[in-house]
């Protein structure tokens, strides 16, 4: 850029001062004034404190040993079955579309 090599910076390359463009903008185009933020104190908070943390009782089986599944155990994650089901349905649709051609 030839302007960068000169000793004096041209006026159109001067940085804009903060708030300098507000003189150019019409007042109708400016956003509305922001309301002041309220000051909160500890007395304004009505949420009770959290209960204290309690330690869990240790299990009777040592870690790493397989245990018998209980009837109250949560169901295993269905992510693998869902992925497999989706993969099979897409594969079936692809086969069906090839047969129709």
C-alpha atoms as a PDB file:
ATOM      1  CA  UNK A   1       0.000   0.000   0.000  1.00  0.00           C
ATOM      2  CA  UNK A   2       1.521   3.315  -1.058  1.00  0.00           C
ATOM      3  CA  UNK A   3      -0.178   5.197   1.781  1.00  0.00           C
ATOM      4  CA  UNK A   4       1.700   3.215   4.423  1.00  0.00           C
ATOM      5  CA  UNK A   5       5.050   4.337   3.009  1.00  0.00           C
ATOM      6  CA  UNK A   6       4.311   8.057   3.397  1.00  0.00           C
ATOM      7  CA  UNK A   7       5.341   9.993   6.495  1.00  0.00           C
ATOM      8  CA  UNK A   8       1.896  11.475   7.137  1.00  0.00           C
ATOM      9  CA  UNK A   9      -1.180   9.275   7.411  1.00  0.00           C
ATOM     10  CA  UNK A  10      -4.049  10.416   5.155  1.00  0.00           C
ATOM     11  CA  UNK A  11      -7.164  11.539   7.064  1.00  0.00           C
ATOM     12  CA  UNK A  12      -9.261   8.689   5.671  1.00  0.00           C
ATOM     13  CA  UNK A  13      -6.848   6.137   7.229  1.00  0.00           C
ATOM     14  CA  UNK A  14      -6.954   7.641  10.728  1.00  0.00           C
ATOM     15  CA  UNK A  15      -8.522   5.353  13.349  1.00  0.00           C
ATOM     16  CA  UNK A  16     -12.027   6.233  14.494  1.00  0.00           C
ATOM     17  CA  UNK A  17     -12.176   7.574  18.027  1.00  0.00           C
ATOM     18  CA  UNK A  18     -14.612   5.866  20.444  1.00  0.00           C
ATOM     19  CA  UNK A  19     -18.026   7.483  20.070  1.00  0.00           C
ATOM     20  CA  UNK A  20     -16.881   9.487  17.045  1.00  0.00           C
ATOM     21  CA  UNK A  21     -19.456   7.959  14.692  1.00  0.00           C
ATOM     22  CA  UNK A  22     -22.368   8.776  17.023  1.00  0.00           C
ATOM     23  CA  UNK A  23     -22.338  12.323  15.661  1.00  0.00           C
ATOM     24  CA  UNK A  24     -23.052  10.986  12.157  1.00  0.00           C
ATOM     25  CA  UNK A  25     -25.938   8.644  13.109  1.00  0.00           C
ATOM     26  CA  UNK A  26     -29.428  10.111  13.449  1.00  0.00           C
ATOM     27  CA  UNK A  27     -31.100   9.881  16.855  1.00  0.00           C
ATOM     28  CA  UNK A  28     -33.990   7.835  15.374  1.00  0.00           C
ATOM     29  CA  UNK A  29     -31.523   5.103  14.330  1.00  0.00           C
ATOM     30  CA  UNK A  30     -29.935   4.760  17.760  1.00  0.00           C
ATOM     31  CA  UNK A  31     -31.093   1.888  20.037  1.00  0.00           C
ATOM     32  CA  UNK A  32     -33.095   2.764  23.148  1.00  0.00           C
ATOM     33  CA  UNK A  33     -31.212   3.497  26.344  1.00  0.00           C
ATOM     34  CA  UNK A  34     -30.505   0.483  28.545  1.00  0.00           C
ATOM     35  CA  UNK A  35     -32.116   0.327  31.966  1.00  0.00           C
ATOM     36  CA  UNK A  36     -29.703   0.379  34.916  1.00  0.00           C
ATOM     37  CA  UNK A  37     -28.838  -3.012  36.375  1.00  0.00           C
ATOM     38  CA  UNK A  38     -30.264  -3.583  39.864  1.00  0.00           C
ATOM     39  CA  UNK A  39     -27.875  -4.205  42.748  1.00  0.00           C
ATOM     40  CA  UNK A  40     -28.389  -7.575  44.467  1.00  0.00           C
ATOM     41  CA  UNK A  41     -27.404  -8.307  48.050  1.00  0.00           C
ATOM     42  CA  UNK A  42     -27.339 -11.531  50.074  1.00  0.00           C
ATOM     43  CA  UNK A  43     -30.732 -10.639  51.539  1.00  0.00           C
ATOM     44  CA  UNK A  44     -32.277 -10.739  48.035  1.00  0.00           C
ATOM     45  CA  UNK A  45     -31.459 -14.453  47.610  1.00  0.00           C
ATOM     46  CA  UNK A  46     -34.311 -16.692  48.782  1.00  0.00           C
ATOM     47  CA  UNK A  47     -32.944 -20.089  47.686  1.00  0.00           C
ATOM     48  CA  UNK A  48     -32.012 -22.348  50.644  1.00  0.00           C
ATOM     49  CA  UNK A  49     -28.498 -23.821  50.800  1.00  0.00           C
ATOM     50  CA  UNK A  50     -27.848 -27.294  49.397  1.00  0.00           C
ATOM     51  CA  UNK A  51     -27.952 -30.254  51.807  1.00  0.00           C
ATOM     52  CA  UNK A  52     -24.619 -31.621  53.048  1.00  0.00           C
ATOM     53  CA  UNK A  53     -22.924 -34.386  51.091  1.00  0.00           C
ATOM     54  CA  UNK A  54     -23.206 -37.881  52.572  1.00  0.00           C
ATOM     55  CA  UNK A  55     -20.903 -40.796  51.789  1.00  0.00           C
ATOM     56  CA  UNK A  56     -22.354 -43.883  50.099  1.00  0.00           C
ATOM     57  CA  UNK A  57     -22.213 -47.199  51.918  1.00  0.00           C
ATOM     58  CA  UNK A  58     -19.632 -49.601  50.398  1.00  0.00           C
ATOM     59  CA  UNK A  59     -20.958 -52.542  48.395  1.00  0.00           C
ATOM     60  CA  UNK A  60     -20.537 -56.084  49.682  1.00  0.00           C
ATOM     61  CA  UNK A  61     -18.754 -57.369  46.548  1.00  0.00           C
ATOM     62  CA  UNK A  62     -15.208 -56.266  45.769  1.00  0.00           C
ATOM     63  CA  UNK A  63     -14.753 -54.244  42.584  1.00  0.00           C
ATOM     64  CA  UNK A  64     -13.984 -56.203  39.437  1.00  0.00           C
ATOM     65  CA  UNK A  65     -15.996 -59.312  40.342  1.00  0.00           C
ATOM     66  CA  UNK A  66     -19.081 -59.990  38.263  1.00  0.00           C
ATOM     67  CA  UNK A  67     -22.321 -59.873  40.172  1.00  0.00           C
ATOM     68  CA  UNK A  68     -25.663 -61.468  39.415  1.00  0.00           C
ATOM     69  CA  UNK A  69     -28.067 -59.182  37.551  1.00  0.00           C
ATOM     70  CA  UNK A  70     -30.890 -58.093  39.775  1.00  0.00           C
ATOM     71  CA  UNK A  71     -34.460 -57.638  38.679  1.00  0.00           C
ATOM     72  CA  UNK A  72     -34.333 -53.978  39.714  1.00  0.00           C
ATOM     73  CA  UNK A  73     -31.254 -53.255  37.593  1.00  0.00           C
ATOM     74  CA  UNK A  74     -31.687 -50.527  34.985  1.00  0.00           C
ATOM     75  CA  UNK A  75     -32.122 -51.611  31.399  1.00  0.00           C
ATOM     76  CA  UNK A  76     -28.933 -51.560  29.313  1.00  0.00           C
ATOM     77  CA  UNK A  77     -28.398 -48.647  27.013  1.00  0.00           C
ATOM     78  CA  UNK A  78     -30.258 -49.044  23.736  1.00  0.00           C
ATOM     79  CA  UNK A  79     -27.722 -47.083  21.709  1.00  0.00           C
ATOM     80  CA  UNK A  80     -26.238 -50.130  19.953  1.00  0.00           C
ATOM     81  CA  UNK A  81     -29.633 -51.548  19.116  1.00  0.00           C
ATOM     82  CA  UNK A  82     -30.823 -48.182  17.859  1.00  0.00           C
ATOM     83  CA  UNK A  83     -27.770 -47.813  15.632  1.00  0.00           C
ATOM     84  CA  UNK A  84     -28.139 -51.338  14.342  1.00  0.00           C
ATOM     85  CA  UNK A  85     -31.847 -50.825  13.761  1.00  0.00           C
ATOM     86  CA  UNK A  86     -31.180 -47.594  11.867  1.00  0.00           C
ATOM     87  CA  UNK A  87     -28.433 -49.222   9.820  1.00  0.00           C
ATOM     88  CA  UNK A  88     -30.665 -52.152   8.885  1.00  0.00           C
ATOM     89  CA  UNK A  89     -33.576 -49.921   7.905  1.00  0.00           C
ATOM     90  CA  UNK A  90     -31.364 -47.725   5.694  1.00  0.00           C
ATOM     91  CA  UNK A  91     -29.853 -50.831   4.123  1.00  0.00           C
ATOM     92  CA  UNK A  92     -33.349 -52.247   3.462  1.00  0.00           C
ATOM     93  CA  UNK A  93     -34.460 -48.977   1.861  1.00  0.00           C
ATOM     94  CA  UNK A  94     -31.386 -48.958  -0.385  1.00  0.00           C
ATOM     95  CA  UNK A  95     -32.063 -52.530  -1.520  1.00  0.00           C
ATOM     96  CA  UNK A  96     -35.728 -51.705  -2.151  1.00  0.00           C
ATOM     97  CA  UNK A  97     -34.848 -48.649  -4.229  1.00  0.00           C
ATOM     98  CA  UNK A  98     -32.408 -50.694  -6.327  1.00  0.00           C
ATOM     99  CA  UNK A  99     -35.060 -53.338  -6.960  1.00  0.00           C
ATOM    100  CA  UNK A 100     -37.546 -50.698  -8.124  1.00  0.00           C
ATOM    101  CA  UNK A 101     -35.116 -49.320 -10.711  1.00  0.00           C
END
